[in-house]
């Protein structure tokens, strides 16, 4: 069974994928109805999440994303991330 941390690490891996086609393939393989919610954005489905990730990558060109800690873990896990030089 996949844990919340597995999901967060998977999201970071997808976010750091530089090939857009591979990013879409990974998202669709992850779950067909993948959802993402944070205080600023939300995406439902692999197409919407792909667009959101592409927007973040455009905002932070040349940087990668990594987990930076966990704020809260109850039924849902809240991760803190930051862009870094790869």
C-alpha atoms as a PDB file:
ATOM      1  CA  UNK A   1       0.000   0.000   0.000  1.00  0.00           C
ATOM      2  CA  UNK A   2       1.276   3.423  -0.944  1.00  0.00           C
ATOM      3  CA  UNK A   3       1.796   5.861   1.936  1.00  0.00           C
ATOM      4  CA  UNK A   4       1.268   9.613   1.935  1.00  0.00           C
ATOM      5  CA  UNK A   5       5.047  10.045   1.847  1.00  0.00           C
ATOM      6  CA  UNK A   6       5.238   7.758  -1.208  1.00  0.00           C
ATOM      7  CA  UNK A   7       2.648   9.967  -2.911  1.00  0.00           C
ATOM      8  CA  UNK A   8       4.553  13.146  -2.005  1.00  0.00           C
ATOM      9  CA  UNK A   9       7.829  11.693  -3.299  1.00  0.00           C
ATOM     10  CA  UNK A  10       6.080  10.530  -6.462  1.00  0.00           C
ATOM     11  CA  UNK A  11       4.707  14.018  -7.011  1.00  0.00           C
ATOM     12  CA  UNK A  12       8.193  15.513  -6.603  1.00  0.00           C
ATOM     13  CA  UNK A  13       9.582  12.994  -9.121  1.00  0.00           C
ATOM     14  CA  UNK A  14       6.864  13.898 -11.633  1.00  0.00           C
ATOM     15  CA  UNK A  15       7.423  17.616 -11.007  1.00  0.00           C
ATOM     16  CA  UNK A  16      11.146  17.213 -11.664  1.00  0.00           C
ATOM     17  CA  UNK A  17      10.668  15.246 -14.896  1.00  0.00           C
ATOM     18  CA  UNK A  18      12.014  17.404 -17.723  1.00  0.00           C
ATOM     19  CA  UNK A  19      10.346  15.523 -20.596  1.00  0.00           C
ATOM     20  CA  UNK A  20       6.698  16.679 -20.855  1.00  0.00           C
ATOM     21  CA  UNK A  21       5.564  13.442 -22.537  1.00  0.00           C
ATOM     22  CA  UNK A  22       7.192  11.336 -19.809  1.00  0.00           C
ATOM     23  CA  UNK A  23       5.614  13.572 -17.157  1.00  0.00           C
ATOM     24  CA  UNK A  24       2.153  12.931 -18.643  1.00  0.00           C
ATOM     25  CA  UNK A  25       2.862   9.192 -18.888  1.00  0.00           C
ATOM     26  CA  UNK A  26       3.914   9.048 -15.230  1.00  0.00           C
ATOM     27  CA  UNK A  27       0.875  11.013 -14.066  1.00  0.00           C
ATOM     28  CA  UNK A  28      -1.518   8.813 -16.023  1.00  0.00           C
ATOM     29  CA  UNK A  29       0.174   5.680 -14.654  1.00  0.00           C
ATOM     30  CA  UNK A  30       0.079   7.071 -11.121  1.00  0.00           C
ATOM     31  CA  UNK A  31      -3.713   7.350 -11.071  1.00  0.00           C
ATOM     32  CA  UNK A  32      -6.173   8.312 -13.815  1.00  0.00           C
ATOM     33  CA  UNK A  33      -8.065  10.649 -11.467  1.00  0.00           C
ATOM     34  CA  UNK A  34      -5.036  12.163  -9.751  1.00  0.00           C
ATOM     35  CA  UNK A  35      -5.833  15.285  -7.692  1.00  0.00           C
ATOM     36  CA  UNK A  36      -3.674  17.992  -6.160  1.00  0.00           C
ATOM     37  CA  UNK A  37      -4.761  20.648  -3.682  1.00  0.00           C
ATOM     38  CA  UNK A  38      -2.809  23.322  -1.858  1.00  0.00           C
ATOM     39  CA  UNK A  39      -3.804  26.745  -0.531  1.00  0.00           C
ATOM     40  CA  UNK A  40      -3.052  28.433  -3.874  1.00  0.00           C
ATOM     41  CA  UNK A  41      -3.885  25.852  -6.540  1.00  0.00           C
ATOM     42  CA  UNK A  42      -5.809  22.734  -7.279  1.00  0.00           C
ATOM     43  CA  UNK A  43      -5.832  20.290 -10.152  1.00  0.00           C
ATOM     44  CA  UNK A  44      -8.131  17.371 -10.872  1.00  0.00           C
ATOM     45  CA  UNK A  45      -6.988  14.854 -13.462  1.00  0.00           C
ATOM     46  CA  UNK A  46      -3.637  14.276 -15.119  1.00  0.00           C
ATOM     47  CA  UNK A  47      -4.189  16.965 -17.767  1.00  0.00           C
ATOM     48  CA  UNK A  48      -4.889  19.705 -15.208  1.00  0.00           C
ATOM     49  CA  UNK A  49      -2.007  18.601 -12.994  1.00  0.00           C
ATOM     50  CA  UNK A  50       0.332  18.562 -15.997  1.00  0.00           C
ATOM     51  CA  UNK A  51      -0.598  22.175 -16.768  1.00  0.00           C
ATOM     52  CA  UNK A  52      -0.084  23.169 -13.136  1.00  0.00           C
ATOM     53  CA  UNK A  53       3.361  21.514 -13.016  1.00  0.00           C
ATOM     54  CA  UNK A  54       4.345  23.156 -16.312  1.00  0.00           C
ATOM     55  CA  UNK A  55       3.351  26.521 -14.824  1.00  0.00           C
ATOM     56  CA  UNK A  56       5.521  25.923 -11.757  1.00  0.00           C
ATOM     57  CA  UNK A  57       8.442  24.805 -13.927  1.00  0.00           C
ATOM     58  CA  UNK A  58       8.062  27.980 -16.017  1.00  0.00           C
ATOM     59  CA  UNK A  59       8.017  30.083 -12.847  1.00  0.00           C
ATOM     60  CA  UNK A  60      11.210  28.417 -11.557  1.00  0.00           C
ATOM     61  CA  UNK A  61      13.198  27.649 -14.761  1.00  0.00           C
ATOM     62  CA  UNK A  62      16.227  25.420 -14.312  1.00  0.00           C
ATOM     63  CA  UNK A  63      15.322  24.503 -10.739  1.00  0.00           C
ATOM     64  CA  UNK A  64      14.197  21.190  -9.291  1.00  0.00           C
ATOM     65  CA  UNK A  65      11.788  20.592  -6.426  1.00  0.00           C
ATOM     66  CA  UNK A  66      12.420  18.537  -3.302  1.00  0.00           C
ATOM     67  CA  UNK A  67      10.563  17.848  -0.095  1.00  0.00           C
ATOM     68  CA  UNK A  68      11.675  20.073   2.731  1.00  0.00           C
ATOM     69  CA  UNK A  69       9.686  18.667   5.634  1.00  0.00           C
ATOM     70  CA  UNK A  70       6.280  17.641   6.856  1.00  0.00           C
ATOM     71  CA  UNK A  71       3.957  20.101   8.546  1.00  0.00           C
ATOM     72  CA  UNK A  72       1.098  17.808   9.445  1.00  0.00           C
ATOM     73  CA  UNK A  73       0.111  14.201   9.059  1.00  0.00           C
ATOM     74  CA  UNK A  74      -3.300  13.042  10.170  1.00  0.00           C
ATOM     75  CA  UNK A  75      -5.527  11.681   7.428  1.00  0.00           C
ATOM     76  CA  UNK A  76      -3.729  13.824   4.893  1.00  0.00           C
ATOM     77  CA  UNK A  77      -0.119  14.746   4.690  1.00  0.00           C
ATOM     78  CA  UNK A  78       1.015  18.315   4.162  1.00  0.00           C
ATOM     79  CA  UNK A  79       4.455  18.628   2.621  1.00  0.00           C
ATOM     80  CA  UNK A  80       6.656  21.662   2.365  1.00  0.00           C
ATOM     81  CA  UNK A  81       8.700  21.934  -0.840  1.00  0.00           C
ATOM     82  CA  UNK A  82      11.122  24.406  -2.273  1.00  0.00           C
ATOM     83  CA  UNK A  83      12.873  24.891  -5.612  1.00  0.00           C
ATOM     84  CA  UNK A  84      16.594  24.043  -5.634  1.00  0.00           C
ATOM     85  CA  UNK A  85      19.463  23.969  -8.096  1.00  0.00           C
ATOM     86  CA  UNK A  86      19.639  20.342  -9.371  1.00  0.00           C
END
